[in-house]
Amino acid sequence: MAADKKTEAKTDQATGKVKEAAGRAVGNERLTVEGRADQAKADARHAKENIKDVLKD
């Protein structure tokens, strides 16, 4: 189960990077900020899953 969540977090992080890059390319600040927010949320989710793995062992 944790591997699925980590994969989901990585996917969200990649999506955030794409949004950020697209926002920069077209000059859309809102899209750039959304991309950064998506990346931050994915980083937090990934960190949470890592902590769960450490505590499980």
PDB file of N, CA and C in Angstrom:
ATOM      1  N   MET A   1       0.817  -1.194   0.000  1.00  0.00           N
ATOM      2  CA  MET A   1       0.000   0.000   0.000  1.00  0.00           C
ATOM      3  C   MET A   1       0.861   1.259   0.000  1.00  0.00           C
ATOM      4  N   ALA A   2       1.916   1.254   0.767  1.00  0.00           N
ATOM      5  CA  ALA A   2       2.762   2.447   0.832  1.00  0.00           C
ATOM      6  C   ALA A   2       3.422   2.737  -0.515  1.00  0.00           C
ATOM      7  N   ALA A   3       3.751   1.683  -1.243  1.00  0.00           N
ATOM      8  CA  ALA A   3       4.378   1.880  -2.555  1.00  0.00           C
ATOM      9  C   ALA A   3       3.415   2.587  -3.502  1.00  0.00           C
ATOM     10  N   ASP A   4       2.128   2.251  -3.410  1.00  0.00           N
ATOM     11  CA  ASP A   4       1.127   2.918  -4.244  1.00  0.00           C
ATOM     12  C   ASP A   4       1.048   4.396  -3.917  1.00  0.00           C
ATOM     13  N   LYS A   5       1.091   4.721  -2.640  1.00  0.00           N
ATOM     14  CA  LYS A   5       1.016   6.118  -2.214  1.00  0.00           C
ATOM     15  C   LYS A   5       2.263   6.883  -2.649  1.00  0.00           C
ATOM     16  N   LYS A   6       3.422   6.228  -2.569  1.00  0.00           N
ATOM     17  CA  LYS A   6       4.658   6.879  -3.001  1.00  0.00           C
ATOM     18  C   LYS A   6       4.630   7.135  -4.500  1.00  0.00           C
ATOM     19  N   THR A   7       4.115   6.175  -5.248  1.00  0.00           N
ATOM     20  CA  THR A   7       3.998   6.340  -6.692  1.00  0.00           C
ATOM     21  C   THR A   7       3.048   7.481  -7.016  1.00  0.00           C
ATOM     22  N   GLU A   8       1.958   7.554  -6.280  1.00  0.00           N
ATOM     23  CA  GLU A   8       0.996   8.640  -6.479  1.00  0.00           C
ATOM     24  C   GLU A   8       1.635   9.995  -6.182  1.00  0.00           C
ATOM     25  N   ALA A   9       2.455  10.047  -5.131  1.00  0.00           N
ATOM     26  CA  ALA A   9       3.137  11.293  -4.781  1.00  0.00           C
ATOM     27  C   ALA A   9       4.122  11.691  -5.881  1.00  0.00           C
ATOM     28  N   LYS A  10       4.839  10.721  -6.429  1.00  0.00           N
ATOM     29  CA  LYS A  10       5.791  11.015  -7.514  1.00  0.00           C
ATOM     30  C   LYS A  10       5.056  11.525  -8.748  1.00  0.00           C
ATOM     31  N   THR A  11       3.900  10.923  -9.038  1.00  0.00           N
ATOM     32  CA  THR A  11       3.100  11.361 -10.176  1.00  0.00           C
ATOM     33  C   THR A  11       2.618  12.793  -9.971  1.00  0.00           C
ATOM     34  N   ASP A  12       2.149  13.084  -8.754  1.00  0.00           N
ATOM     35  CA  ASP A  12       1.690  14.441  -8.452  1.00  0.00           C
ATOM     36  C   ASP A  12       2.839  15.443  -8.555  1.00  0.00           C
ATOM     37  N   GLN A  13       4.015  15.030  -8.131  1.00  0.00           N
ATOM     38  CA  GLN A  13       5.177  15.916  -8.209  1.00  0.00           C
ATOM     39  C   GLN A  13       5.521  16.214  -9.666  1.00  0.00           C
ATOM     40  N   ALA A  14       5.476  15.194 -10.504  1.00  0.00           N
ATOM     41  CA  ALA A  14       5.760  15.391 -11.926  1.00  0.00           C
ATOM     42  C   ALA A  14       4.710  16.292 -12.567  1.00  0.00           C
ATOM     43  N   THR A  15       3.454  16.092 -12.195  1.00  0.00           N
ATOM     44  CA  THR A  15       2.378  16.936 -12.712  1.00  0.00           C
ATOM     45  C   THR A  15       2.602  18.391 -12.307  1.00  0.00           C
ATOM     46  N   GLY A  16       3.023  18.587 -11.064  1.00  0.00           N
ATOM     47  CA  GLY A  16       3.309  19.939 -10.596  1.00  0.00           C
ATOM     48  C   GLY A  16       4.437  20.588 -11.373  1.00  0.00           C
ATOM     49  N   LYS A  17       5.458  19.819 -11.693  1.00  0.00           N
ATOM     50  CA  LYS A  17       6.577  20.356 -12.467  1.00  0.00           C
ATOM     51  C   LYS A  17       6.130  20.758 -13.864  1.00  0.00           C
ATOM     52  N   VAL A  18       5.270  19.932 -14.459  1.00  0.00           N
ATOM     53  CA  VAL A  18       4.757  20.245 -15.792  1.00  0.00           C
ATOM     54  C   VAL A  18       3.915  21.517 -15.749  1.00  0.00           C
ATOM     55  N   LYS A  19       3.051  21.633 -14.736  1.00  0.00           N
ATOM     56  CA  LYS A  19       2.211  22.833 -14.601  1.00  0.00           C
ATOM     57  C   LYS A  19       3.077  24.075 -14.430  1.00  0.00           C
ATOM     58  N   GLU A  20       4.098  23.950 -13.576  1.00  0.00           N
ATOM     59  CA  GLU A  20       4.973  25.093 -13.334  1.00  0.00           C
ATOM     60  C   GLU A  20       5.685  25.512 -14.615  1.00  0.00           C
ATOM     61  N   ALA A  21       6.209  24.540 -15.348  1.00  0.00           N
ATOM     62  CA  ALA A  21       6.913  24.842 -16.596  1.00  0.00           C
ATOM     63  C   ALA A  21       5.971  25.445 -17.632  1.00  0.00           C
ATOM     64  N   ALA A  22       4.767  24.903 -17.714  1.00  0.00           N
ATOM     65  CA  ALA A  22       3.791  25.432 -18.675  1.00  0.00           C
ATOM     66  C   ALA A  22       3.402  26.860 -18.299  1.00  0.00           C
ATOM     67  N   GLY A  23       3.221  27.104 -17.019  1.00  0.00           N
ATOM     68  CA  GLY A  23       2.882  28.448 -16.560  1.00  0.00           C
ATOM     69  C   GLY A  23       3.968  29.449 -16.893  1.00  0.00           C
ATOM     70  N   ARG A  24       5.212  29.039 -16.704  1.00  0.00           N
ATOM     71  CA  ARG A  24       6.330  29.930 -17.041  1.00  0.00           C
ATOM     72  C   ARG A  24       6.400  30.176 -18.542  1.00  0.00           C
ATOM     73  N   ALA A  25       6.150  29.113 -19.314  1.00  0.00           N
ATOM     74  CA  ALA A  25       6.264  29.230 -20.766  1.00  0.00           C
ATOM     75  C   ALA A  25       5.248  30.204 -21.348  1.00  0.00           C
ATOM     76  N   VAL A  26       4.040  30.201 -20.791  1.00  0.00           N
ATOM     77  CA  VAL A  26       2.995  31.072 -21.335  1.00  0.00           C
ATOM     78  C   VAL A  26       2.813  32.346 -20.515  1.00  0.00           C
ATOM     79  N   GLY A  27       3.581  32.481 -19.438  1.00  0.00           N
ATOM     80  CA  GLY A  27       3.496  33.682 -18.617  1.00  0.00           C
ATOM     81  C   GLY A  27       2.279  33.714 -17.705  1.00  0.00           C
ATOM     82  N   ASN A  28       1.771  32.529 -17.345  1.00  0.00           N
ATOM     83  CA  ASN A  28       0.598  32.442 -16.479  1.00  0.00           C
ATOM     84  C   ASN A  28       1.060  32.193 -15.042  1.00  0.00           C
ATOM     85  N   GLU A  29       1.054  33.232 -14.233  1.00  0.00           N
ATOM     86  CA  GLU A  29       1.549  33.140 -12.859  1.00  0.00           C
ATOM     87  C   GLU A  29       0.704  32.184 -12.017  1.00  0.00           C
ATOM     88  N   ARG A  30      -0.610  32.162 -12.239  1.00  0.00           N
ATOM     89  CA  ARG A  30      -1.484  31.287 -11.452  1.00  0.00           C
ATOM     90  C   ARG A  30      -1.138  29.818 -11.689  1.00  0.00           C
ATOM     91  N   LEU A  31      -0.888  29.449 -12.924  1.00  0.00           N
ATOM     92  CA  LEU A  31      -0.520  28.077 -13.255  1.00  0.00           C
ATOM     93  C   LEU A  31       0.842  27.723 -12.662  1.00  0.00           C
ATOM     94  N   THR A  32       1.754  28.662 -12.673  1.00  0.00           N
ATOM     95  CA  THR A  32       3.074  28.442 -12.079  1.00  0.00           C
ATOM     96  C   THR A  32       2.948  28.185 -10.580  1.00  0.00           C
ATOM     97  N   VAL A  33       2.137  28.984  -9.913  1.00  0.00           N
ATOM     98  CA  VAL A  33       1.939  28.829  -8.468  1.00  0.00           C
ATOM     99  C   VAL A  33       1.230  27.513  -8.161  1.00  0.00           C
ATOM    100  N   GLU A  34       0.247  27.150  -8.975  1.00  0.00           N
ATOM    101  CA  GLU A  34      -0.436  25.862  -8.788  1.00  0.00           C
ATOM    102  C   GLU A  34       0.554  24.711  -8.910  1.00  0.00           C
ATOM    103  N   GLY A  35       1.444  24.795  -9.859  1.00  0.00           N
ATOM    104  CA  GLY A  35       2.453  23.759 -10.035  1.00  0.00           C
ATOM    105  C   GLY A  35       3.362  23.644  -8.831  1.00  0.00           C
ATOM    106  N   ARG A  36       3.792  24.766  -8.304  1.00  0.00           N
ATOM    107  CA  ARG A  36       4.632  24.746  -7.096  1.00  0.00           C
ATOM    108  C   ARG A  36       3.868  24.156  -5.919  1.00  0.00           C
ATOM    109  N   ALA A  37       2.598  24.513  -5.781  1.00  0.00           N
ATOM    110  CA  ALA A  37       1.777  23.992  -4.686  1.00  0.00           C
ATOM    111  C   ALA A  37       1.600  22.480  -4.820  1.00  0.00           C
ATOM    112  N   ASP A  38       1.369  22.002  -6.023  1.00  0.00           N
ATOM    113  CA  ASP A  38       1.234  20.560  -6.255  1.00  0.00           C
ATOM    114  C   ASP A  38       2.525  19.828  -5.877  1.00  0.00           C
ATOM    115  N   GLN A  39       3.651  20.423  -6.220  1.00  0.00           N
ATOM    116  CA  GLN A  39       4.935  19.805  -5.878  1.00  0.00           C
ATOM    117  C   GLN A  39       5.130  19.757  -4.366  1.00  0.00           C
ATOM    118  N   ALA A  40       4.778  20.828  -3.680  1.00  0.00           N
ATOM    119  CA  ALA A  40       4.929  20.865  -2.227  1.00  0.00           C
ATOM    120  C   ALA A  40       4.025  19.827  -1.561  1.00  0.00           C
ATOM    121  N   LYS A  41       2.803  19.705  -2.060  1.00  0.00           N
ATOM    122  CA  LYS A  41       1.877  18.727  -1.507  1.00  0.00           C
ATOM    123  C   LYS A  41       2.408  17.311  -1.735  1.00  0.00           C
ATOM    124  N   ALA A  42       2.950  17.053  -2.908  1.00  0.00           N
ATOM    125  CA  ALA A  42       3.504  15.734  -3.216  1.00  0.00           C
ATOM    126  C   ALA A  42       4.724  15.443  -2.353  1.00  0.00           C
ATOM    127  N   ASP A  43       5.570  16.447  -2.141  1.00  0.00           N
ATOM    128  CA  ASP A  43       6.739  16.260  -1.274  1.00  0.00           C
ATOM    129  C   ASP A  43       6.315  15.903   0.143  1.00  0.00           C
ATOM    130  N   ALA A  44       5.286  16.571   0.649  1.00  0.00           N
ATOM    131  CA  ALA A  44       4.789  16.289   1.994  1.00  0.00           C
ATOM    132  C   ALA A  44       4.222  14.874   2.073  1.00  0.00           C
ATOM    133  N   ARG A  45       3.473  14.476   1.051  1.00  0.00           N
ATOM    134  CA  ARG A  45       2.898  13.129   1.034  1.00  0.00           C
ATOM    135  C   ARG A  45       4.009  12.084   0.996  1.00  0.00           C
ATOM    136  N   HIS A  46       5.029  12.330   0.202  1.00  0.00           N
ATOM    137  CA  HIS A  46       6.151  11.390   0.101  1.00  0.00           C
ATOM    138  C   HIS A  46       6.888  11.295   1.434  1.00  0.00           C
ATOM    139  N   ALA A  47       7.103  12.413   2.094  1.00  0.00           N
ATOM    140  CA  ALA A  47       7.768  12.415   3.393  1.00  0.00           C
ATOM    141  C   ALA A  47       6.943  11.643   4.423  1.00  0.00           C
ATOM    142  N   LYS A  48       5.630  11.815   4.376  1.00  0.00           N
ATOM    143  CA  LYS A  48       4.748  11.099   5.300  1.00  0.00           C
ATOM    144  C   LYS A  48       4.869   9.594   5.093  1.00  0.00           C
ATOM    145  N   GLU A  49       4.903   9.169   3.845  1.00  0.00           N
ATOM    146  CA  GLU A  49       5.027   7.732   3.558  1.00  0.00           C
ATOM    147  C   GLU A  49       6.386   7.195   4.019  1.00  0.00           C
ATOM    148  N   ASN A  50       7.438   7.985   3.865  1.00  0.00           N
ATOM    149  CA  ASN A  50       8.758   7.562   4.339  1.00  0.00           C
ATOM    150  C   ASN A  50       8.763   7.399   5.851  1.00  0.00           C
ATOM    151  N   ILE A  51       8.117   8.304   6.553  1.00  0.00           N
ATOM    152  CA  ILE A  51       8.036   8.219   8.014  1.00  0.00           C
ATOM    153  C   ILE A  51       7.245   6.979   8.416  1.00  0.00           C
ATOM    154  N   LYS A  52       6.157   6.718   7.726  1.00  0.00           N
ATOM    155  CA  LYS A  52       5.377   5.526   8.020  1.00  0.00           C
ATOM    156  C   LYS A  52       6.193   4.259   7.831  1.00  0.00           C
ATOM    157  N   ASP A  53       7.036   4.239   6.785  1.00  0.00           N
ATOM    158  CA  ASP A  53       7.899   3.080   6.543  1.00  0.00           C
ATOM    159  C   ASP A  53       8.913   2.909   7.662  1.00  0.00           C
ATOM    160  N   VAL A  54       9.498   3.998   8.127  1.00  0.00           N
ATOM    161  CA  VAL A  54      10.488   3.927   9.190  1.00  0.00           C
ATOM    162  C   VAL A  54       9.851   3.423  10.481  1.00  0.00           C
ATOM    163  N   LEU A  55       8.673   3.937  10.792  1.00  0.00           N
ATOM    164  CA  LEU A  55       8.009   3.524  12.031  1.00  0.00           C
ATOM    165  C   LEU A  55       7.506   2.089  11.958  1.00  0.00           C
ATOM    166  N   LYS A  56       7.232   1.623  10.761  1.00  0.00           N
ATOM    167  CA  LYS A  56       6.741   0.256  10.581  1.00  0.00           C
ATOM    168  C   LYS A  56       7.838  -0.761  10.872  1.00  0.00           C
ATOM    169  N   ASP A  57       9.084  -0.406  10.567  1.00  0.00           N
ATOM    170  CA  ASP A  57      10.207  -1.347  10.755  1.00  0.00           C
ATOM    171  C   ASP A  57      10.600  -1.482  12.160  1.00  0.00           C
TER     172      ASP A  57
END
